[in-house]
C-alpha cells in the first residue's frame, strides 16, 4: 500500500462508515481494484482507521457523552450481540473480506430494503430507547458482519423497526459504533500481534494518515447525513446501493472474461 492508496481508502471510510452503504464493502471493492485486498496490512489498515471515524462522533456529540449511566448501560446491551457473534464467527467473517461478489449481492439486496424501509416504518415518534430496543438494535447490527450489509444501515433500520425516529435511530447507531469499532480494532490488532506481524515505520505513518483523513471526512459526512436523512429518508441510498452492486458484478465478470481471453 502506498500513500495515495491509503488516502483514498481513508476517504472512503470517512464518507461511508456512517452512511447506509457499507464502508467495509466499499473498501473491499477499492482495495481489490488496487490489487491489495489480500495483503495483511491492508486488512489491518481498514480496521484500524476506524479509530479516526470514532473520534469524529466523540467530537460532534461531546456534550451527549455526559449523559446518565443508564445511556451507557443501554449501549453496552446493544454491543453484546456483536461481541458474542463476532468471536464465534471470526474466521468465517475473515473469509468473506476478499470477496467482491459477496459485497455486490449484499449491496443490491440491501438497496431494495432501503427503497422500502420508509414505507415500512416511516419516521417514528419514539425518542426513548429501552433496554429491549437496544438489544434488538444490537442484533440488527450483527447483520453487518456480512460485507456489504452496512453496520450503520442495519442498526438504523433496527431502530426504526422499534418505532424510533430516523434521527434518534441514526444517532444511537453512531454511538453504538464506538464500542463496536473500538472492540474490532483491538481484537484485530491483537490477532496480528499474536501472529507475529510487525509494522514498519512506513506502515505506522500510513495508519496515522488514514486516521487523520478518516476523521476529517467523517466529521463532514455525519452532519450532512443527519440533515439529509431527517428530510428525505433512505431512497437515494437504496438506488445508490443497487447501482453500485450491479456495477461491481459487471466489472468483476468483465475482468474474468478478459482473463480467460
C-alpha atoms as a PDB file:
ATOM      1  CA  UNK A   1       0.000   0.000   0.000  1.00  0.00           C
ATOM      2  CA  UNK A   2       1.290   3.435  -0.898  1.00  0.00           C
ATOM      3  CA  UNK A   3       0.297   6.849   0.472  1.00  0.00           C
ATOM      4  CA  UNK A   4      -2.236   7.611  -2.287  1.00  0.00           C
ATOM      5  CA  UNK A   5      -3.989   4.283  -1.761  1.00  0.00           C
ATOM      6  CA  UNK A   6      -4.081   4.906   1.998  1.00  0.00           C
ATOM      7  CA  UNK A   7      -5.638   8.353   1.499  1.00  0.00           C
ATOM      8  CA  UNK A   8      -8.261   7.011  -0.941  1.00  0.00           C
ATOM      9  CA  UNK A   9      -9.235   4.189   1.421  1.00  0.00           C
ATOM     10  CA  UNK A  10      -9.426   6.633   4.351  1.00  0.00           C
ATOM     11  CA  UNK A  11     -11.680   8.986   2.367  1.00  0.00           C
ATOM     12  CA  UNK A  12     -13.935   6.054   1.523  1.00  0.00           C
ATOM     13  CA  UNK A  13     -14.019   5.016   5.196  1.00  0.00           C
ATOM     14  CA  UNK A  14     -14.845   8.534   6.384  1.00  0.00           C
ATOM     15  CA  UNK A  15     -17.574   9.020   3.763  1.00  0.00           C
ATOM     16  CA  UNK A  16     -19.263   5.655   4.107  1.00  0.00           C
ATOM     17  CA  UNK A  17     -18.849   4.484   7.717  1.00  0.00           C
ATOM     18  CA  UNK A  18     -21.963   6.274   8.951  1.00  0.00           C
ATOM     19  CA  UNK A  19     -23.952   6.084   5.714  1.00  0.00           C
ATOM     20  CA  UNK A  20     -26.124   3.010   4.993  1.00  0.00           C
ATOM     21  CA  UNK A  21     -23.938   1.937   2.069  1.00  0.00           C
ATOM     22  CA  UNK A  22     -21.295  -0.274   3.784  1.00  0.00           C
ATOM     23  CA  UNK A  23     -17.844   1.153   4.392  1.00  0.00           C
ATOM     24  CA  UNK A  24     -16.300  -2.331   4.538  1.00  0.00           C
ATOM     25  CA  UNK A  25     -17.862  -3.241   1.225  1.00  0.00           C
ATOM     26  CA  UNK A  26     -16.559  -0.100  -0.452  1.00  0.00           C
ATOM     27  CA  UNK A  27     -13.060  -0.591   0.937  1.00  0.00           C
ATOM     28  CA  UNK A  28     -13.027  -4.215  -0.263  1.00  0.00           C
ATOM     29  CA  UNK A  29     -14.010  -3.016  -3.725  1.00  0.00           C
ATOM     30  CA  UNK A  30     -11.378  -0.242  -3.696  1.00  0.00           C
ATOM     31  CA  UNK A  31      -8.585  -2.444  -2.320  1.00  0.00           C
ATOM     32  CA  UNK A  32      -9.466  -5.149  -4.877  1.00  0.00           C
ATOM     33  CA  UNK A  33      -9.192  -2.508  -7.614  1.00  0.00           C
ATOM     34  CA  UNK A  34      -5.753  -1.542  -6.270  1.00  0.00           C
ATOM     35  CA  UNK A  35      -4.787  -5.229  -6.112  1.00  0.00           C
ATOM     36  CA  UNK A  36      -4.021  -5.138  -2.373  1.00  0.00           C
ATOM     37  CA  UNK A  37      -7.172  -6.727  -0.881  1.00  0.00           C
ATOM     38  CA  UNK A  38      -5.359  -9.901   0.188  1.00  0.00           C
ATOM     39  CA  UNK A  39      -2.484  -8.079   1.869  1.00  0.00           C
ATOM     40  CA  UNK A  40      -2.330  -8.479   5.664  1.00  0.00           C
ATOM     41  CA  UNK A  41      -1.536  -4.823   6.234  1.00  0.00           C
ATOM     42  CA  UNK A  42      -4.500  -3.749   4.092  1.00  0.00           C
ATOM     43  CA  UNK A  43      -6.844  -5.844   6.228  1.00  0.00           C
ATOM     44  CA  UNK A  44      -5.376  -4.317   9.391  1.00  0.00           C
ATOM     45  CA  UNK A  45      -5.475  -0.805   7.903  1.00  0.00           C
ATOM     46  CA  UNK A  46      -9.186  -0.986   7.037  1.00  0.00           C
ATOM     47  CA  UNK A  47      -9.976  -1.855  10.658  1.00  0.00           C
ATOM     48  CA  UNK A  48      -7.569   0.458  12.499  1.00  0.00           C
ATOM     49  CA  UNK A  49      -8.517   3.623  10.589  1.00  0.00           C
ATOM     50  CA  UNK A  50     -11.994   3.257  12.070  1.00  0.00           C
ATOM     51  CA  UNK A  51     -10.479   4.892  15.179  1.00  0.00           C
ATOM     52  CA  UNK A  52     -10.401   8.186  13.295  1.00  0.00           C
ATOM     53  CA  UNK A  53     -14.068   7.966  12.407  1.00  0.00           C
ATOM     54  CA  UNK A  54     -14.896   7.049  16.022  1.00  0.00           C
ATOM     55  CA  UNK A  55     -13.248  10.274  17.164  1.00  0.00           C
ATOM     56  CA  UNK A  56     -15.454  12.260  14.800  1.00  0.00           C
ATOM     57  CA  UNK A  57     -18.516  11.033  16.729  1.00  0.00           C
ATOM     58  CA  UNK A  58     -16.892  11.951  20.034  1.00  0.00           C
ATOM     59  CA  UNK A  59     -16.105  15.476  18.807  1.00  0.00           C
ATOM     60  CA  UNK A  60     -19.520  16.121  17.254  1.00  0.00           C
ATOM     61  CA  UNK A  61     -21.516  14.734  20.172  1.00  0.00           C
ATOM     62  CA  UNK A  62     -19.186  15.596  23.054  1.00  0.00           C
ATOM     63  CA  UNK A  63     -21.939  17.036  25.267  1.00  0.00           C
ATOM     64  CA  UNK A  64     -24.021  13.899  24.824  1.00  0.00           C
ATOM     65  CA  UNK A  65     -21.263  11.829  26.420  1.00  0.00           C
ATOM     66  CA  UNK A  66     -22.064  13.391  29.779  1.00  0.00           C
ATOM     67  CA  UNK A  67     -25.428  11.680  29.974  1.00  0.00           C
ATOM     68  CA  UNK A  68     -26.726   9.392  32.723  1.00  0.00           C
ATOM     69  CA  UNK A  69     -25.112   5.991  33.217  1.00  0.00           C
ATOM     70  CA  UNK A  70     -28.357   4.457  32.001  1.00  0.00           C
ATOM     71  CA  UNK A  71     -27.460   5.527  28.466  1.00  0.00           C
ATOM     72  CA  UNK A  72     -24.105   3.721  28.647  1.00  0.00           C
ATOM     73  CA  UNK A  73     -25.734   0.580  30.020  1.00  0.00           C
ATOM     74  CA  UNK A  74     -28.040   0.560  27.002  1.00  0.00           C
ATOM     75  CA  UNK A  75     -25.070   0.964  24.666  1.00  0.00           C
ATOM     76  CA  UNK A  76     -23.398  -1.973  26.404  1.00  0.00           C
ATOM     77  CA  UNK A  77     -26.520  -4.116  25.958  1.00  0.00           C
ATOM     78  CA  UNK A  78     -26.643  -3.207  22.246  1.00  0.00           C
ATOM     79  CA  UNK A  79     -22.933  -4.017  21.909  1.00  0.00           C
ATOM     80  CA  UNK A  80     -23.159  -7.529  23.420  1.00  0.00           C
ATOM     81  CA  UNK A  81     -24.542  -9.400  20.352  1.00  0.00           C
ATOM     82  CA  UNK A  82     -21.609  -8.179  18.241  1.00  0.00           C
ATOM     83  CA  UNK A  83     -19.157  -9.411  20.879  1.00  0.00           C
ATOM     84  CA  UNK A  84     -20.538 -12.950  21.033  1.00  0.00           C
ATOM     85  CA  UNK A  85     -21.266 -13.416  17.331  1.00  0.00           C
ATOM     86  CA  UNK A  86     -18.053 -11.644  16.308  1.00  0.00           C
ATOM     87  CA  UNK A  87     -15.944 -14.045  18.362  1.00  0.00           C
ATOM     88  CA  UNK A  88     -17.987 -17.055  17.252  1.00  0.00           C
ATOM     89  CA  UNK A  89     -17.877 -16.235  13.531  1.00  0.00           C
ATOM     90  CA  UNK A  90     -14.485 -14.513  13.321  1.00  0.00           C
ATOM     91  CA  UNK A  91     -12.859 -16.954  10.866  1.00  0.00           C
ATOM     92  CA  UNK A  92     -15.953 -17.091   8.651  1.00  0.00           C
ATOM     93  CA  UNK A  93     -16.129 -13.286   8.523  1.00  0.00           C
ATOM     94  CA  UNK A  94     -12.442 -13.036   7.575  1.00  0.00           C
ATOM     95  CA  UNK A  95     -13.043 -15.481   4.717  1.00  0.00           C
ATOM     96  CA  UNK A  96     -15.591 -13.078   3.208  1.00  0.00           C
ATOM     97  CA  UNK A  97     -13.414  -9.983   3.351  1.00  0.00           C
ATOM     98  CA  UNK A  98     -11.724 -10.541  -0.017  1.00  0.00           C
ATOM     99  CA  UNK A  99     -14.871 -11.402  -1.986  1.00  0.00           C
ATOM    100  CA  UNK A 100     -16.340  -8.595  -4.141  1.00  0.00           C
ATOM    101  CA  UNK A 101     -19.241 -10.874  -5.175  1.00  0.00           C
ATOM    102  CA  UNK A 102     -20.449 -11.111  -1.579  1.00  0.00           C
ATOM    103  CA  UNK A 103     -20.248  -7.330  -1.345  1.00  0.00           C
ATOM    104  CA  UNK A 104     -22.127  -6.809  -4.616  1.00  0.00           C
ATOM    105  CA  UNK A 105     -25.006  -9.127  -3.669  1.00  0.00           C
ATOM    106  CA  UNK A 106     -25.267  -7.536  -0.208  1.00  0.00           C
ATOM    107  CA  UNK A 107     -25.296  -4.052  -1.747  1.00  0.00           C
ATOM    108  CA  UNK A 108     -28.122  -4.948  -4.128  1.00  0.00           C
ATOM    109  CA  UNK A 109     -30.302  -6.746  -1.570  1.00  0.00           C
ATOM    110  CA  UNK A 110     -29.724  -4.007   0.994  1.00  0.00           C
ATOM    111  CA  UNK A 111     -30.585  -1.424  -1.646  1.00  0.00           C
ATOM    112  CA  UNK A 112     -34.016  -2.926  -2.250  1.00  0.00           C
ATOM    113  CA  UNK A 113     -34.629  -2.941   1.511  1.00  0.00           C
ATOM    114  CA  UNK A 114     -33.711   0.744   1.791  1.00  0.00           C
ATOM    115  CA  UNK A 115     -36.126   1.574  -1.031  1.00  0.00           C
ATOM    116  CA  UNK A 116     -38.969   0.227   1.105  1.00  0.00           C
ATOM    117  CA  UNK A 117     -37.863   0.969   4.674  1.00  0.00           C
ATOM    118  CA  UNK A 118     -39.503   4.406   4.807  1.00  0.00           C
ATOM    119  CA  UNK A 119     -42.791   2.866   3.674  1.00  0.00           C
ATOM    120  CA  UNK A 120     -42.496   0.059   6.207  1.00  0.00           C
ATOM    121  CA  UNK A 121     -41.619   2.090   9.267  1.00  0.00           C
ATOM    122  CA  UNK A 122     -41.968   5.778   8.372  1.00  0.00           C
ATOM    123  CA  UNK A 123     -40.394   8.365  10.668  1.00  0.00           C
ATOM    124  CA  UNK A 124     -41.278   7.055  14.130  1.00  0.00           C
ATOM    125  CA  UNK A 125     -42.154   9.183  17.110  1.00  0.00           C
ATOM    126  CA  UNK A 126     -40.275   7.302  19.849  1.00  0.00           C
ATOM    127  CA  UNK A 127     -37.313   9.184  21.286  1.00  0.00           C
ATOM    128  CA  UNK A 128     -36.579   6.962  24.311  1.00  0.00           C
ATOM    129  CA  UNK A 129     -34.592   3.755  23.862  1.00  0.00           C
ATOM    130  CA  UNK A 130     -35.463   0.886  26.192  1.00  0.00           C
ATOM    131  CA  UNK A 131     -33.080  -1.939  27.088  1.00  0.00           C
ATOM    132  CA  UNK A 132     -35.061  -4.350  24.899  1.00  0.00           C
ATOM    133  CA  UNK A 133     -34.918  -1.944  21.967  1.00  0.00           C
ATOM    134  CA  UNK A 134     -31.156  -1.559  22.478  1.00  0.00           C
ATOM    135  CA  UNK A 135     -30.722  -5.341  22.419  1.00  0.00           C
ATOM    136  CA  UNK A 136     -32.766  -5.687  19.224  1.00  0.00           C
ATOM    137  CA  UNK A 137     -30.714  -2.951  17.554  1.00  0.00           C
ATOM    138  CA  UNK A 138     -27.583  -4.848  18.599  1.00  0.00           C
ATOM    139  CA  UNK A 139     -28.798  -7.980  16.808  1.00  0.00           C
ATOM    140  CA  UNK A 140     -29.657  -5.965  13.708  1.00  0.00           C
ATOM    141  CA  UNK A 141     -26.114  -4.557  13.758  1.00  0.00           C
ATOM    142  CA  UNK A 142     -24.721  -8.100  13.583  1.00  0.00           C
ATOM    143  CA  UNK A 143     -26.099  -8.436  10.056  1.00  0.00           C
ATOM    144  CA  UNK A 144     -23.242  -6.137   9.034  1.00  0.00           C
ATOM    145  CA  UNK A 145     -20.770  -8.936   9.725  1.00  0.00           C
ATOM    146  CA  UNK A 146     -21.597  -9.856   6.138  1.00  0.00           C
ATOM    147  CA  UNK A 147     -19.502  -7.469   3.987  1.00  0.00           C
ATOM    148  CA  UNK A 148     -21.692  -5.067   2.072  1.00  0.00           C
ATOM    149  CA  UNK A 149     -24.607  -5.029   4.517  1.00  0.00           C
ATOM    150  CA  UNK A 150     -23.639  -1.763   6.327  1.00  0.00           C
ATOM    151  CA  UNK A 151     -23.340  -1.527  10.092  1.00  0.00           C
ATOM    152  CA  UNK A 152     -24.991   1.878  10.268  1.00  0.00           C
ATOM    153  CA  UNK A 153     -27.750   0.882   7.844  1.00  0.00           C
ATOM    154  CA  UNK A 154     -28.592  -2.308   9.743  1.00  0.00           C
ATOM    155  CA  UNK A 155     -28.634  -0.617  13.150  1.00  0.00           C
ATOM    156  CA  UNK A 156     -30.636   2.395  11.935  1.00  0.00           C
ATOM    157  CA  UNK A 157     -33.236   0.140  10.315  1.00  0.00           C
ATOM    158  CA  UNK A 158     -33.271  -1.874  13.534  1.00  0.00           C
ATOM    159  CA  UNK A 159     -34.045   1.284  15.480  1.00  0.00           C
ATOM    160  CA  UNK A 160     -36.756   2.349  13.046  1.00  0.00           C
ATOM    161  CA  UNK A 161     -38.370  -1.088  13.324  1.00  0.00           C
ATOM    162  CA  UNK A 162     -38.817  -0.251  17.018  1.00  0.00           C
ATOM    163  CA  UNK A 163     -40.637   2.992  16.102  1.00  0.00           C
ATOM    164  CA  UNK A 164     -37.672   5.287  16.762  1.00  0.00           C
ATOM    165  CA  UNK A 165     -37.420   8.414  14.625  1.00  0.00           C
ATOM    166  CA  UNK A 166     -34.810   8.351  11.863  1.00  0.00           C
ATOM    167  CA  UNK A 167     -32.670  10.904  13.684  1.00  0.00           C
ATOM    168  CA  UNK A 168     -32.764   9.110  17.057  1.00  0.00           C
ATOM    169  CA  UNK A 169     -32.048   5.748  15.383  1.00  0.00           C
ATOM    170  CA  UNK A 170     -29.147   7.244  13.407  1.00  0.00           C
ATOM    171  CA  UNK A 171     -27.590   8.956  16.422  1.00  0.00           C
ATOM    172  CA  UNK A 172     -27.829   5.791  18.534  1.00  0.00           C
ATOM    173  CA  UNK A 173     -26.153   3.951  15.645  1.00  0.00           C
ATOM    174  CA  UNK A 174     -23.314   6.500  15.732  1.00  0.00           C
ATOM    175  CA  UNK A 175     -22.810   5.997  19.465  1.00  0.00           C
ATOM    176  CA  UNK A 176     -23.005   2.220  19.101  1.00  0.00           C
ATOM    177  CA  UNK A 177     -20.217   2.418  16.521  1.00  0.00           C
ATOM    178  CA  UNK A 178     -17.768   3.493  19.227  1.00  0.00           C
ATOM    179  CA  UNK A 179     -17.612   0.287  21.325  1.00  0.00           C
ATOM    180  CA  UNK A 180     -18.220  -1.899  18.255  1.00  0.00           C
ATOM    181  CA  UNK A 181     -15.450  -0.428  16.130  1.00  0.00           C
ATOM    182  CA  UNK A 182     -13.080   0.021  19.060  1.00  0.00           C
ATOM    183  CA  UNK A 183     -13.582  -3.622  20.020  1.00  0.00           C
ATOM    184  CA  UNK A 184     -12.984  -4.774  16.433  1.00  0.00           C
ATOM    185  CA  UNK A 185      -9.806  -2.667  16.224  1.00  0.00           C
ATOM    186  CA  UNK A 186      -8.388  -4.012  19.486  1.00  0.00           C
ATOM    187  CA  UNK A 187      -9.194  -7.621  18.590  1.00  0.00           C
ATOM    188  CA  UNK A 188      -7.785  -7.421  15.076  1.00  0.00           C
ATOM    189  CA  UNK A 189      -4.630  -5.649  16.284  1.00  0.00           C
ATOM    190  CA  UNK A 190      -4.130  -8.292  18.985  1.00  0.00           C
ATOM    191  CA  UNK A 191      -4.634 -11.114  16.446  1.00  0.00           C
ATOM    192  CA  UNK A 192      -1.932  -9.661  14.213  1.00  0.00           C
ATOM    193  CA  UNK A 193       0.381  -9.142  17.206  1.00  0.00           C
ATOM    194  CA  UNK A 194      -0.116 -12.760  18.296  1.00  0.00           C
ATOM    195  CA  UNK A 195       0.661 -13.918  14.758  1.00  0.00           C
ATOM    196  CA  UNK A 196       3.990 -12.058  14.908  1.00  0.00           C
ATOM    197  CA  UNK A 197       3.020  -9.346  12.418  1.00  0.00           C
ATOM    198  CA  UNK A 198       5.222  -6.272  12.854  1.00  0.00           C
ATOM    199  CA  UNK A 199       4.597  -2.814  11.449  1.00  0.00           C
ATOM    200  CA  UNK A 200       7.306  -0.924   9.619  1.00  0.00           C
ATOM    201  CA  UNK A 201       7.761   2.816  10.224  1.00  0.00           C
ATOM    202  CA  UNK A 202       6.202   3.467   6.808  1.00  0.00           C
ATOM    203  CA  UNK A 203       3.130   1.415   7.715  1.00  0.00           C
ATOM    204  CA  UNK A 204       2.761   3.276  11.008  1.00  0.00           C
ATOM    205  CA  UNK A 205       2.806   6.550   9.061  1.00  0.00           C
ATOM    206  CA  UNK A 206       0.116   5.217   6.720  1.00  0.00           C
ATOM    207  CA  UNK A 207      -2.079   4.337   9.717  1.00  0.00           C
ATOM    208  CA  UNK A 208      -1.650   7.852  11.120  1.00  0.00           C
ATOM    209  CA  UNK A 209      -2.506   9.416   7.744  1.00  0.00           C
ATOM    210  CA  UNK A 210      -5.509   7.121   7.368  1.00  0.00           C
ATOM    211  CA  UNK A 211      -6.910   8.023  10.770  1.00  0.00           C
ATOM    212  CA  UNK A 212      -6.472  11.773  10.278  1.00  0.00           C
ATOM    213  CA  UNK A 213      -8.094  11.744   6.833  1.00  0.00           C
ATOM    214  CA  UNK A 214     -10.915   9.460   8.008  1.00  0.00           C
ATOM    215  CA  UNK A 215     -11.589  11.750  10.985  1.00  0.00           C
ATOM    216  CA  UNK A 216     -11.886  14.906   8.881  1.00  0.00           C
ATOM    217  CA  UNK A 217     -14.060  13.333   6.185  1.00  0.00           C
ATOM    218  CA  UNK A 218     -16.335  11.635   8.732  1.00  0.00           C
ATOM    219  CA  UNK A 219     -16.987  14.962  10.502  1.00  0.00           C
ATOM    220  CA  UNK A 220     -18.445  16.346   7.284  1.00  0.00           C
ATOM    221  CA  UNK A 221     -20.279  13.139   6.352  1.00  0.00           C
ATOM    222  CA  UNK A 222     -22.105  12.751   9.685  1.00  0.00           C
ATOM    223  CA  UNK A 223     -23.525  16.268   9.764  1.00  0.00           C
ATOM    224  CA  UNK A 224     -24.579  16.090   6.121  1.00  0.00           C
ATOM    225  CA  UNK A 225     -26.171  12.658   6.560  1.00  0.00           C
ATOM    226  CA  UNK A 226     -28.281  13.626   9.577  1.00  0.00           C
ATOM    227  CA  UNK A 227     -29.591  16.716   7.812  1.00  0.00           C
ATOM    228  CA  UNK A 228     -30.435  14.786   4.659  1.00  0.00           C
ATOM    229  CA  UNK A 229     -31.931  11.764   6.413  1.00  0.00           C
ATOM    230  CA  UNK A 230     -34.330  13.778   8.568  1.00  0.00           C
ATOM    231  CA  UNK A 231     -35.783  15.441   5.449  1.00  0.00           C
ATOM    232  CA  UNK A 232     -35.594  12.858   2.684  1.00  0.00           C
ATOM    233  CA  UNK A 233     -35.245   9.316   4.066  1.00  0.00           C
ATOM    234  CA  UNK A 234     -33.350   6.374   2.583  1.00  0.00           C
ATOM    235  CA  UNK A 235     -34.415   6.003  -1.046  1.00  0.00           C
ATOM    236  CA  UNK A 236     -31.377   7.680  -2.606  1.00  0.00           C
ATOM    237  CA  UNK A 237     -29.098   5.317  -0.676  1.00  0.00           C
ATOM    238  CA  UNK A 238     -31.149   2.347  -1.880  1.00  0.00           C
ATOM    239  CA  UNK A 239     -30.754   3.368  -5.532  1.00  0.00           C
ATOM    240  CA  UNK A 240     -27.043   4.004  -4.999  1.00  0.00           C
ATOM    241  CA  UNK A 241     -26.504   0.549  -3.473  1.00  0.00           C
ATOM    242  CA  UNK A 242     -28.304  -1.211  -6.306  1.00  0.00           C
ATOM    243  CA  UNK A 243     -26.368   0.669  -8.997  1.00  0.00           C
ATOM    244  CA  UNK A 244     -23.050   0.128  -7.176  1.00  0.00           C
ATOM    245  CA  UNK A 245     -23.735  -3.586  -6.670  1.00  0.00           C
ATOM    246  CA  UNK A 246     -24.627  -4.147 -10.329  1.00  0.00           C
ATOM    247  CA  UNK A 247     -21.538  -2.196 -11.397  1.00  0.00           C
ATOM    248  CA  UNK A 248     -19.302  -4.373  -9.214  1.00  0.00           C
ATOM    249  CA  UNK A 249     -20.797  -7.568 -10.715  1.00  0.00           C
ATOM    250  CA  UNK A 250     -20.370  -6.308 -14.276  1.00  0.00           C
ATOM    251  CA  UNK A 251     -16.778  -5.211 -13.691  1.00  0.00           C
ATOM    252  CA  UNK A 252     -15.918  -8.472 -11.925  1.00  0.00           C
ATOM    253  CA  UNK A 253     -17.266 -10.702 -14.681  1.00  0.00           C
ATOM    254  CA  UNK A 254     -15.828  -8.446 -17.422  1.00  0.00           C
ATOM    255  CA  UNK A 255     -12.370  -8.778 -15.881  1.00  0.00           C
ATOM    256  CA  UNK A 256     -12.847 -12.554 -15.641  1.00  0.00           C
ATOM    257  CA  UNK A 257     -13.761 -12.669 -19.339  1.00  0.00           C
ATOM    258  CA  UNK A 258     -10.630 -10.700 -20.219  1.00  0.00           C
ATOM    259  CA  UNK A 259      -8.542 -13.101 -18.140  1.00  0.00           C
ATOM    260  CA  UNK A 260      -9.999 -16.095 -19.971  1.00  0.00           C
ATOM    261  CA  UNK A 261      -9.348 -14.463 -23.356  1.00  0.00           C
END
